[in-house]
């Protein structure tokens, strides 16, 4: 649906039909060029995996990778090396507890 001055009188009915009656999502785009960008973004998000929908083995791998990221961010704190960062993480469990 292209919202123009000619179609603006029908837009409210169209919006009600799509959103309320059919329970679909209506995404406002201002130009036709945005359609390609929008479809590309949808494709990128569909290709991403859900870490909570995986097997325990894959979930552990994802958890270990996130643990590495937390460890690296802790190592960036001046005065903290890898050894102290690992010690802090093992003692407190997560980054939020370390910050307190």
PDB file of N, CA and C in Angstrom:
ATOM      1  N   UNK A   1       0.845  -1.168   0.000  1.00  0.00           N
ATOM      2  CA  UNK A   1       0.000   0.000   0.000  1.00  0.00           C
ATOM      3  C   UNK A   1       0.887   1.227   0.000  1.00  0.00           C
ATOM      4  N   UNK A   2       0.758   2.048  -1.002  1.00  0.00           N
ATOM      5  CA  UNK A   2       1.526   3.288  -1.062  1.00  0.00           C
ATOM      6  C   UNK A   2       0.624   4.411  -0.578  1.00  0.00           C
ATOM      7  N   UNK A   3       1.059   5.073   0.479  1.00  0.00           N
ATOM      8  CA  UNK A   3       0.279   6.143   1.096  1.00  0.00           C
ATOM      9  C   UNK A   3       0.525   7.444   0.343  1.00  0.00           C
ATOM     10  N   UNK A   4      -0.459   7.864  -0.430  1.00  0.00           N
ATOM     11  CA  UNK A   4      -0.386   9.126  -1.172  1.00  0.00           C
ATOM     12  C   UNK A   4      -1.593   9.966  -0.805  1.00  0.00           C
ATOM     13  N   UNK A   5      -1.672  11.153  -1.369  1.00  0.00           N
ATOM     14  CA  UNK A   5      -2.841  12.008  -1.100  1.00  0.00           C
ATOM     15  C   UNK A   5      -4.114  11.355  -1.627  1.00  0.00           C
ATOM     16  N   UNK A   6      -3.997  10.627  -2.712  1.00  0.00           N
ATOM     17  CA  UNK A   6      -5.165   9.967  -3.296  1.00  0.00           C
ATOM     18  C   UNK A   6      -5.632   8.781  -2.445  1.00  0.00           C
ATOM     19  N   UNK A   7      -4.702   8.051  -1.841  1.00  0.00           N
ATOM     20  CA  UNK A   7      -5.060   6.858  -1.071  1.00  0.00           C
ATOM     21  C   UNK A   7      -5.194   7.129   0.427  1.00  0.00           C
ATOM     22  N   UNK A   8      -4.907   8.350   0.872  1.00  0.00           N
ATOM     23  CA  UNK A   8      -4.921   8.637   2.307  1.00  0.00           C
ATOM     24  C   UNK A   8      -6.298   8.440   2.933  1.00  0.00           C
ATOM     25  N   UNK A   9      -7.370   8.641   2.178  1.00  0.00           N
ATOM     26  CA  UNK A   9      -8.703   8.450   2.735  1.00  0.00           C
ATOM     27  C   UNK A   9      -8.996   6.977   3.027  1.00  0.00           C
ATOM     28  N   UNK A  10      -8.306   6.063   2.363  1.00  0.00           N
ATOM     29  CA  UNK A  10      -8.508   4.630   2.565  1.00  0.00           C
ATOM     30  C   UNK A  10      -7.533   4.033   3.579  1.00  0.00           C
ATOM     31  N   UNK A  11      -6.528   4.802   3.978  1.00  0.00           N
ATOM     32  CA  UNK A  11      -5.459   4.252   4.799  1.00  0.00           C
ATOM     33  C   UNK A  11      -5.953   3.768   6.155  1.00  0.00           C
ATOM     34  N   UNK A  12      -6.820   4.510   6.830  1.00  0.00           N
ATOM     35  CA  UNK A  12      -7.301   4.103   8.148  1.00  0.00           C
ATOM     36  C   UNK A  12      -8.048   2.770   8.075  1.00  0.00           C
ATOM     37  N   UNK A  13      -8.886   2.594   7.061  1.00  0.00           N
ATOM     38  CA  UNK A  13      -9.591   1.320   6.888  1.00  0.00           C
ATOM     39  C   UNK A  13      -8.606   0.189   6.589  1.00  0.00           C
ATOM     40  N   UNK A  14      -7.634   0.474   5.758  1.00  0.00           N
ATOM     41  CA  UNK A  14      -6.607  -0.508   5.422  1.00  0.00           C
ATOM     42  C   UNK A  14      -5.818  -0.903   6.667  1.00  0.00           C
ATOM     43  N   UNK A  15      -5.421   0.098   7.449  1.00  0.00           N
ATOM     44  CA  UNK A  15      -4.658  -0.145   8.673  1.00  0.00           C
ATOM     45  C   UNK A  15      -5.466  -0.983   9.667  1.00  0.00           C
ATOM     46  N   UNK A  16      -6.743  -0.656   9.855  1.00  0.00           N
ATOM     47  CA  UNK A  16      -7.595  -1.421  10.761  1.00  0.00           C
ATOM     48  C   UNK A  16      -7.740  -2.867  10.300  1.00  0.00           C
ATOM     49  N   UNK A  17      -7.920  -3.064   9.005  1.00  0.00           N
ATOM     50  CA  UNK A  17      -8.080  -4.418   8.477  1.00  0.00           C
ATOM     51  C   UNK A  17      -6.819  -5.252   8.701  1.00  0.00           C
ATOM     52  N   UNK A  18      -5.682  -4.680   8.386  1.00  0.00           N
ATOM     53  CA  UNK A  18      -4.423  -5.427   8.488  1.00  0.00           C
ATOM     54  C   UNK A  18      -4.041  -5.685   9.942  1.00  0.00           C
ATOM     55  N   UNK A  19      -4.048  -4.637  10.756  1.00  0.00           N
ATOM     56  CA  UNK A  19      -3.535  -4.746  12.121  1.00  0.00           C
ATOM     57  C   UNK A  19      -4.553  -5.367  13.076  1.00  0.00           C
ATOM     58  N   UNK A  20      -5.760  -4.893  13.068  1.00  0.00           N
ATOM     59  CA  UNK A  20      -6.747  -5.354  14.047  1.00  0.00           C
ATOM     60  C   UNK A  20      -7.439  -6.650  13.633  1.00  0.00           C
ATOM     61  N   UNK A  21      -7.904  -6.726  12.407  1.00  0.00           N
ATOM     62  CA  UNK A  21      -8.671  -7.899  11.990  1.00  0.00           C
ATOM     63  C   UNK A  21      -7.783  -9.095  11.640  1.00  0.00           C
ATOM     64  N   UNK A  22      -6.710  -8.839  10.908  1.00  0.00           N
ATOM     65  CA  UNK A  22      -5.850  -9.955  10.475  1.00  0.00           C
ATOM     66  C   UNK A  22      -4.664 -10.181  11.406  1.00  0.00           C
ATOM     67  N   UNK A  23      -4.477  -9.303  12.367  1.00  0.00           N
ATOM     68  CA  UNK A  23      -3.390  -9.383  13.350  1.00  0.00           C
ATOM     69  C   UNK A  23      -2.025  -9.498  12.687  1.00  0.00           C
ATOM     70  N   UNK A  24      -1.811  -8.742  11.635  1.00  0.00           N
ATOM     71  CA  UNK A  24      -0.534  -8.689  10.934  1.00  0.00           C
ATOM     72  C   UNK A  24       0.196  -7.407  11.334  1.00  0.00           C
ATOM     73  N   UNK A  25       1.429  -7.319  10.931  1.00  0.00           N
ATOM     74  CA  UNK A  25       2.243  -6.153  11.248  1.00  0.00           C
ATOM     75  C   UNK A  25       2.261  -5.216  10.056  1.00  0.00           C
ATOM     76  N   UNK A  26       2.100  -3.952  10.317  1.00  0.00           N
ATOM     77  CA  UNK A  26       2.144  -2.932   9.284  1.00  0.00           C
ATOM     78  C   UNK A  26       3.394  -2.094   9.525  1.00  0.00           C
ATOM     79  N   UNK A  27       4.313  -2.123   8.574  1.00  0.00           N
ATOM     80  CA  UNK A  27       5.582  -1.401   8.714  1.00  0.00           C
ATOM     81  C   UNK A  27       5.546  -0.176   7.809  1.00  0.00           C
ATOM     82  N   UNK A  28       5.650   1.007   8.400  1.00  0.00           N
ATOM     83  CA  UNK A  28       5.632   2.214   7.567  1.00  0.00           C
ATOM     84  C   UNK A  28       6.989   2.449   6.899  1.00  0.00           C
ATOM     85  N   UNK A  29       6.996   2.545   5.590  1.00  0.00           N
ATOM     86  CA  UNK A  29       8.185   2.877   4.817  1.00  0.00           C
ATOM     87  C   UNK A  29       7.886   4.142   4.035  1.00  0.00           C
ATOM     88  N   UNK A  30       8.824   5.055   3.993  1.00  0.00           N
ATOM     89  CA  UNK A  30       8.547   6.345   3.355  1.00  0.00           C
ATOM     90  C   UNK A  30       8.871   6.359   1.871  1.00  0.00           C
ATOM     91  N   UNK A  31       9.804   5.505   1.421  1.00  0.00           N
ATOM     92  CA  UNK A  31      10.142   5.465   0.000  1.00  0.00           C
ATOM     93  C   UNK A  31      10.162   4.021  -0.485  1.00  0.00           C
ATOM     94  N   UNK A  32      10.066   3.867  -1.795  1.00  0.00           N
ATOM     95  CA  UNK A  32      10.089   2.533  -2.383  1.00  0.00           C
ATOM     96  C   UNK A  32      11.462   1.882  -2.240  1.00  0.00           C
ATOM     97  N   UNK A  33      12.525   2.698  -2.150  1.00  0.00           N
ATOM     98  CA  UNK A  33      13.873   2.158  -2.000  1.00  0.00           C
ATOM     99  C   UNK A  33      14.046   1.446  -0.660  1.00  0.00           C
ATOM    100  N   UNK A  34      13.260   1.807   0.336  1.00  0.00           N
ATOM    101  CA  UNK A  34      13.377   1.186   1.651  1.00  0.00           C
ATOM    102  C   UNK A  34      12.866  -0.250   1.667  1.00  0.00           C
ATOM    103  N   UNK A  35      12.089  -0.643   0.685  1.00  0.00           N
ATOM    104  CA  UNK A  35      11.541  -1.994   0.648  1.00  0.00           C
ATOM    105  C   UNK A  35      12.658  -3.022   0.568  1.00  0.00           C
ATOM    106  N   UNK A  36      13.624  -2.790  -0.317  1.00  0.00           N
ATOM    107  CA  UNK A  36      14.751  -3.717  -0.448  1.00  0.00           C
ATOM    108  C   UNK A  36      15.562  -3.803   0.829  1.00  0.00           C
ATOM    109  N   UNK A  37      15.807  -2.659   1.467  1.00  0.00           N
ATOM    110  CA  UNK A  37      16.552  -2.634   2.718  1.00  0.00           C
ATOM    111  C   UNK A  37      15.801  -3.392   3.806  1.00  0.00           C
ATOM    112  N   UNK A  38      14.497  -3.182   3.868  1.00  0.00           N
ATOM    113  CA  UNK A  38      13.675  -3.840   4.876  1.00  0.00           C
ATOM    114  C   UNK A  38      13.674  -5.356   4.683  1.00  0.00           C
ATOM    115  N   UNK A  39      13.513  -5.803   3.444  1.00  0.00           N
ATOM    116  CA  UNK A  39      13.515  -7.239   3.163  1.00  0.00           C
ATOM    117  C   UNK A  39      14.877  -7.858   3.480  1.00  0.00           C
ATOM    118  N   UNK A  40      15.940  -7.119   3.221  1.00  0.00           N
ATOM    119  CA  UNK A  40      17.283  -7.602   3.546  1.00  0.00           C
ATOM    120  C   UNK A  40      17.440  -7.769   5.057  1.00  0.00           C
ATOM    121  N   UNK A  41      16.945  -6.822   5.843  1.00  0.00           N
ATOM    122  CA  UNK A  41      17.022  -6.914   7.300  1.00  0.00           C
ATOM    123  C   UNK A  41      16.229  -8.111   7.821  1.00  0.00           C
ATOM    124  N   UNK A  42      15.068  -8.356   7.237  1.00  0.00           N
ATOM    125  CA  UNK A  42      14.264  -9.515   7.642  1.00  0.00           C
ATOM    126  C   UNK A  42      15.030 -10.803   7.361  1.00  0.00           C
ATOM    127  N   UNK A  43      15.666 -10.879   6.194  1.00  0.00           N
ATOM    128  CA  UNK A  43      16.421 -12.074   5.839  1.00  0.00           C
ATOM    129  C   UNK A  43      17.590 -12.281   6.799  1.00  0.00           C
ATOM    130  N   UNK A  44      18.269 -11.220   7.176  1.00  0.00           N
ATOM    131  CA  UNK A  44      19.387 -11.336   8.113  1.00  0.00           C
ATOM    132  C   UNK A  44      18.925 -11.832   9.472  1.00  0.00           C
ATOM    133  N   UNK A  45      17.792 -11.333   9.959  1.00  0.00           N
ATOM    134  CA  UNK A  45      17.308 -11.768  11.269  1.00  0.00           C
ATOM    135  C   UNK A  45      16.788 -13.201  11.230  1.00  0.00           C
ATOM    136  N   UNK A  46      16.246 -13.631  10.104  1.00  0.00           N
ATOM    137  CA  UNK A  46      15.769 -15.015  10.004  1.00  0.00           C
ATOM    138  C   UNK A  46      16.923 -16.004   9.978  1.00  0.00           C
ATOM    139  N   UNK A  47      18.088 -15.574   9.497  1.00  0.00           N
ATOM    140  CA  UNK A  47      19.243 -16.465   9.422  1.00  0.00           C
ATOM    141  C   UNK A  47      19.948 -16.622  10.766  1.00  0.00           C
ATOM    142  N   UNK A  48      19.658 -15.758  11.720  1.00  0.00           N
ATOM    143  CA  UNK A  48      20.282 -15.868  13.034  1.00  0.00           C
ATOM    144  C   UNK A  48      19.648 -17.018  13.795  1.00  0.00           C
ATOM    145  N   UNK A  49      20.443 -17.634  14.662  1.00  0.00           N
ATOM    146  CA  UNK A  49      19.930 -18.768  15.424  1.00  0.00           C
ATOM    147  C   UNK A  49      19.536 -18.330  16.820  1.00  0.00           C
ATOM    148  N   UNK A  50      18.613 -19.039  17.384  1.00  0.00           N
ATOM    149  CA  UNK A  50      18.156 -18.787  18.740  1.00  0.00           C
ATOM    150  C   UNK A  50      18.970 -19.652  19.692  1.00  0.00           C
ATOM    151  N   UNK A  51      19.764 -19.053  20.583  1.00  0.00           N
ATOM    152  CA  UNK A  51      20.603 -19.875  21.468  1.00  0.00           C
ATOM    153  C   UNK A  51      19.800 -20.711  22.454  1.00  0.00           C
ATOM    154  N   UNK A  52      18.558 -20.334  22.709  1.00  0.00           N
ATOM    155  CA  UNK A  52      17.735 -21.062  23.666  1.00  0.00           C
ATOM    156  C   UNK A  52      17.013 -22.235  23.024  1.00  0.00           C
ATOM    157  N   UNK A  53      17.021 -22.300  21.697  1.00  0.00           N
ATOM    158  CA  UNK A  53      16.345 -23.383  21.005  1.00  0.00           C
ATOM    159  C   UNK A  53      17.290 -24.502  20.598  1.00  0.00           C
ATOM    160  N   UNK A  54      18.510 -24.444  21.081  1.00  0.00           N
ATOM    161  CA  UNK A  54      19.521 -25.417  20.680  1.00  0.00           C
ATOM    162  C   UNK A  54      19.648 -26.545  21.692  1.00  0.00           C
ATOM    163  N   UNK A  55      20.402 -27.543  21.301  1.00  0.00           N
ATOM    164  CA  UNK A  55      20.676 -28.659  22.202  1.00  0.00           C
ATOM    165  C   UNK A  55      21.579 -28.171  23.330  1.00  0.00           C
ATOM    166  N   UNK A  56      21.617 -28.887  24.449  1.00  0.00           N
ATOM    167  CA  UNK A  56      22.464 -28.459  25.574  1.00  0.00           C
ATOM    168  C   UNK A  56      23.934 -28.310  25.192  1.00  0.00           C
ATOM    169  N   UNK A  57      24.424 -29.157  24.298  1.00  0.00           N
ATOM    170  CA  UNK A  57      25.832 -29.066  23.888  1.00  0.00           C
ATOM    171  C   UNK A  57      26.097 -27.744  23.164  1.00  0.00           C
ATOM    172  N   UNK A  58      25.205 -27.386  22.238  1.00  0.00           N
ATOM    173  CA  UNK A  58      25.378 -26.126  21.508  1.00  0.00           C
ATOM    174  C   UNK A  58      25.146 -24.938  22.433  1.00  0.00           C
ATOM    175  N   UNK A  59      24.219 -25.071  23.357  1.00  0.00           N
ATOM    176  CA  UNK A  59      23.970 -23.987  24.309  1.00  0.00           C
ATOM    177  C   UNK A  59      25.199 -23.765  25.190  1.00  0.00           C
ATOM    178  N   UNK A  60      25.875 -24.850  25.585  1.00  0.00           N
ATOM    179  CA  UNK A  60      27.106 -24.720  26.370  1.00  0.00           C
ATOM    180  C   UNK A  60      28.193 -24.025  25.580  1.00  0.00           C
ATOM    181  N   UNK A  61      28.278 -24.321  24.280  1.00  0.00           N
ATOM    182  CA  UNK A  61      29.275 -23.670  23.428  1.00  0.00           C
ATOM    183  C   UNK A  61      29.001 -22.172  23.364  1.00  0.00           C
ATOM    184  N   UNK A  62      27.743 -21.798  23.185  1.00  0.00           N
ATOM    185  CA  UNK A  62      27.367 -20.385  23.139  1.00  0.00           C
ATOM    186  C   UNK A  62      27.651 -19.720  24.475  1.00  0.00           C
ATOM    187  N   UNK A  63      27.374 -20.436  25.568  1.00  0.00           N
ATOM    188  CA  UNK A  63      27.644 -19.903  26.903  1.00  0.00           C
ATOM    189  C   UNK A  63      29.136 -19.677  27.102  1.00  0.00           C
ATOM    190  N   UNK A  64      29.964 -20.628  26.639  1.00  0.00           N
ATOM    191  CA  UNK A  64      31.410 -20.477  26.760  1.00  0.00           C
ATOM    192  C   UNK A  64      31.910 -19.291  25.939  1.00  0.00           C
ATOM    193  N   UNK A  65      31.321 -19.092  24.748  1.00  0.00           N
ATOM    194  CA  UNK A  65      31.721 -17.960  23.914  1.00  0.00           C
ATOM    195  C   UNK A  65      31.349 -16.643  24.584  1.00  0.00           C
ATOM    196  N   UNK A  66      30.176 -16.594  25.216  1.00  0.00           N
ATOM    197  CA  UNK A  66      29.793 -15.369  25.917  1.00  0.00           C
ATOM    198  C   UNK A  66      30.673 -15.171  27.148  1.00  0.00           C
ATOM    199  N   UNK A  67      31.099 -16.281  27.777  1.00  0.00           N
ATOM    200  CA  UNK A  67      32.017 -16.185  28.915  1.00  0.00           C
ATOM    201  C   UNK A  67      33.351 -15.589  28.455  1.00  0.00           C
ATOM    202  N   UNK A  68      33.805 -15.978  27.253  1.00  0.00           N
ATOM    203  CA  UNK A  68      35.037 -15.421  26.696  1.00  0.00           C
ATOM    204  C   UNK A  68      34.899 -13.915  26.491  1.00  0.00           C
ATOM    205  N   UNK A  69      33.737 -13.481  25.997  1.00  0.00           N
ATOM    206  CA  UNK A  69      33.510 -12.056  25.778  1.00  0.00           C
ATOM    207  C   UNK A  69      33.544 -11.289  27.093  1.00  0.00           C
ATOM    208  N   UNK A  70      32.941 -11.864  28.125  1.00  0.00           N
ATOM    209  CA  UNK A  70      32.950 -11.220  29.439  1.00  0.00           C
ATOM    210  C   UNK A  70      34.378 -11.159  29.978  1.00  0.00           C
ATOM    211  N   UNK A  71      35.119 -12.236  29.798  1.00  0.00           N
ATOM    212  CA  UNK A  71      36.507 -12.278  30.251  1.00  0.00           C
ATOM    213  C   UNK A  71      37.346 -11.232  29.525  1.00  0.00           C
ATOM    214  N   UNK A  72      37.152 -11.111  28.225  1.00  0.00           N
ATOM    215  CA  UNK A  72      37.890 -10.106  27.455  1.00  0.00           C
ATOM    216  C   UNK A  72      37.550  -8.691  27.898  1.00  0.00           C
ATOM    217  N   UNK A  73      36.278  -8.438  28.177  1.00  0.00           N
ATOM    218  CA  UNK A  73      35.906  -7.095  28.631  1.00  0.00           C
ATOM    219  C   UNK A  73      36.492  -6.804  30.008  1.00  0.00           C
ATOM    220  N   UNK A  74      36.577  -7.807  30.851  1.00  0.00           N
ATOM    221  CA  UNK A  74      37.205  -7.617  32.159  1.00  0.00           C
ATOM    222  C   UNK A  74      38.708  -7.376  32.017  1.00  0.00           C
ATOM    223  N   UNK A  75      39.340  -8.055  31.071  1.00  0.00           N
ATOM    224  CA  UNK A  75      40.780  -7.879  30.854  1.00  0.00           C
ATOM    225  C   UNK A  75      41.107  -6.472  30.371  1.00  0.00           C
ATOM    226  N   UNK A  76      40.133  -5.774  29.808  1.00  0.00           N
ATOM    227  CA  UNK A  76      40.361  -4.409  29.335  1.00  0.00           C
ATOM    228  C   UNK A  76      40.391  -3.397  30.465  1.00  0.00           C
ATOM    229  N   UNK A  77      39.978  -3.781  31.643  1.00  0.00           N
ATOM    230  CA  UNK A  77      40.033  -2.885  32.799  1.00  0.00           C
ATOM    231  C   UNK A  77      41.499  -2.714  33.200  1.00  0.00           C
ATOM    232  N   UNK A  78      41.949  -1.461  33.342  1.00  0.00           N
ATOM    233  CA  UNK A  78      43.353  -1.250  33.710  1.00  0.00           C
ATOM    234  C   UNK A  78      43.683  -1.936  35.040  1.00  0.00           C
ATOM    235  N   UNK A  79      44.803  -2.646  35.058  1.00  0.00           N
ATOM    236  CA  UNK A  79      45.243  -3.327  36.266  1.00  0.00           C
ATOM    237  C   UNK A  79      44.760  -4.758  36.386  1.00  0.00           C
ATOM    238  N   UNK A  80      43.849  -5.168  35.509  1.00  0.00           N
ATOM    239  CA  UNK A  80      43.358  -6.548  35.540  1.00  0.00           C
ATOM    240  C   UNK A  80      43.917  -7.314  34.360  1.00  0.00           C
ATOM    241  N   UNK A  81      44.593  -8.373  34.647  1.00  0.00           N
ATOM    242  CA  UNK A  81      45.064  -9.254  33.596  1.00  0.00           C
ATOM    243  C   UNK A  81      44.124 -10.426  33.458  1.00  0.00           C
ATOM    244  N   UNK A  82      44.542 -11.403  32.667  1.00  0.00           N
ATOM    245  CA  UNK A  82      43.690 -12.565  32.441  1.00  0.00           C
ATOM    246  C   UNK A  82      43.516 -13.380  33.717  1.00  0.00           C
ATOM    247  N   UNK A  83      44.593 -13.519  34.485  1.00  0.00           N
ATOM    248  CA  UNK A  83      44.540 -14.326  35.703  1.00  0.00           C
ATOM    249  C   UNK A  83      43.563 -13.741  36.718  1.00  0.00           C
ATOM    250  N   UNK A  84      43.697 -12.433  36.983  1.00  0.00           N
ATOM    251  CA  UNK A  84      42.790 -11.785  37.950  1.00  0.00           C
ATOM    252  C   UNK A  84      41.353 -11.773  37.445  1.00  0.00           C
ATOM    253  N   UNK A  85      41.190 -11.578  36.149  1.00  0.00           N
ATOM    254  CA  UNK A  85      39.843 -11.572  35.578  1.00  0.00           C
ATOM    255  C   UNK A  85      39.171 -12.924  35.752  1.00  0.00           C
ATOM    256  N   UNK A  86      39.909 -13.999  35.478  1.00  0.00           N
ATOM    257  CA  UNK A  86      39.362 -15.353  35.663  1.00  0.00           C
ATOM    258  C   UNK A  86      39.013 -15.605  37.131  1.00  0.00           C
ATOM    259  N   UNK A  87      39.872 -15.150  38.018  1.00  0.00           N
ATOM    260  CA  UNK A  87      39.642 -15.323  39.444  1.00  0.00           C
ATOM    261  C   UNK A  87      38.376 -14.592  39.885  1.00  0.00           C
ATOM    262  N   UNK A  88      38.219 -13.350  39.424  1.00  0.00           N
ATOM    263  CA  UNK A  88      37.025 -12.574  39.770  1.00  0.00           C
ATOM    264  C   UNK A  88      35.760 -13.230  39.231  1.00  0.00           C
ATOM    265  N   UNK A  89      35.818 -13.693  37.989  1.00  0.00           N
ATOM    266  CA  UNK A  89      34.640 -14.336  37.398  1.00  0.00           C
ATOM    267  C   UNK A  89      34.298 -15.639  38.107  1.00  0.00           C
ATOM    268  N   UNK A  90      35.296 -16.396  38.501  1.00  0.00           N
ATOM    269  CA  UNK A  90      34.999 -17.649  39.195  1.00  0.00           C
ATOM    270  C   UNK A  90      34.449 -17.379  40.596  1.00  0.00           C
ATOM    271  N   UNK A  91      34.908 -16.289  41.228  1.00  0.00           N
ATOM    272  CA  UNK A  91      34.443 -15.968  42.572  1.00  0.00           C
ATOM    273  C   UNK A  91      33.031 -15.373  42.567  1.00  0.00           C
ATOM    274  N   UNK A  92      32.770 -14.434  41.640  1.00  0.00           N
ATOM    275  CA  UNK A  92      31.488 -13.729  41.643  1.00  0.00           C
ATOM    276  C   UNK A  92      30.466 -14.289  40.668  1.00  0.00           C
ATOM    277  N   UNK A  93      30.909 -14.982  39.633  1.00  0.00           N
ATOM    278  CA  UNK A  93      29.971 -15.635  38.728  1.00  0.00           C
ATOM    279  C   UNK A  93      29.586 -14.842  37.493  1.00  0.00           C
ATOM    280  N   UNK A  94      29.395 -13.532  37.626  1.00  0.00           N
ATOM    281  CA  UNK A  94      29.017 -12.732  36.458  1.00  0.00           C
ATOM    282  C   UNK A  94      29.583 -11.316  36.580  1.00  0.00           C
ATOM    283  N   UNK A  95      29.488 -10.587  35.503  1.00  0.00           N
ATOM    284  CA  UNK A  95      30.074  -9.255  35.425  1.00  0.00           C
ATOM    285  C   UNK A  95      29.369  -8.270  36.356  1.00  0.00           C
ATOM    286  N   UNK A  96      28.077  -8.405  36.498  1.00  0.00           N
ATOM    287  CA  UNK A  96      27.325  -7.501  37.358  1.00  0.00           C
ATOM    288  C   UNK A  96      27.773  -7.637  38.823  1.00  0.00           C
ATOM    289  N   UNK A  97      27.977  -8.860  39.241  1.00  0.00           N
ATOM    290  CA  UNK A  97      28.432  -9.087  40.633  1.00  0.00           C
ATOM    291  C   UNK A  97      29.850  -8.574  40.828  1.00  0.00           C
ATOM    292  N   UNK A  98      30.687  -8.687  39.811  1.00  0.00           N
ATOM    293  CA  UNK A  98      32.055  -8.178  39.907  1.00  0.00           C
ATOM    294  C   UNK A  98      32.038  -6.663  40.054  1.00  0.00           C
ATOM    295  N   UNK A  99      31.148  -6.003  39.347  1.00  0.00           N
ATOM    296  CA  UNK A  99      31.074  -4.539  39.400  1.00  0.00           C
ATOM    297  C   UNK A  99      30.622  -4.019  40.759  1.00  0.00           C
ATOM    298  N   UNK A 100      29.843  -4.806  41.483  1.00  0.00           N
ATOM    299  CA  UNK A 100      29.361  -4.358  42.793  1.00  0.00           C
ATOM    300  C   UNK A 100      30.488  -4.439  43.767  1.00  0.00           C
TER     301      UNK A 100
END
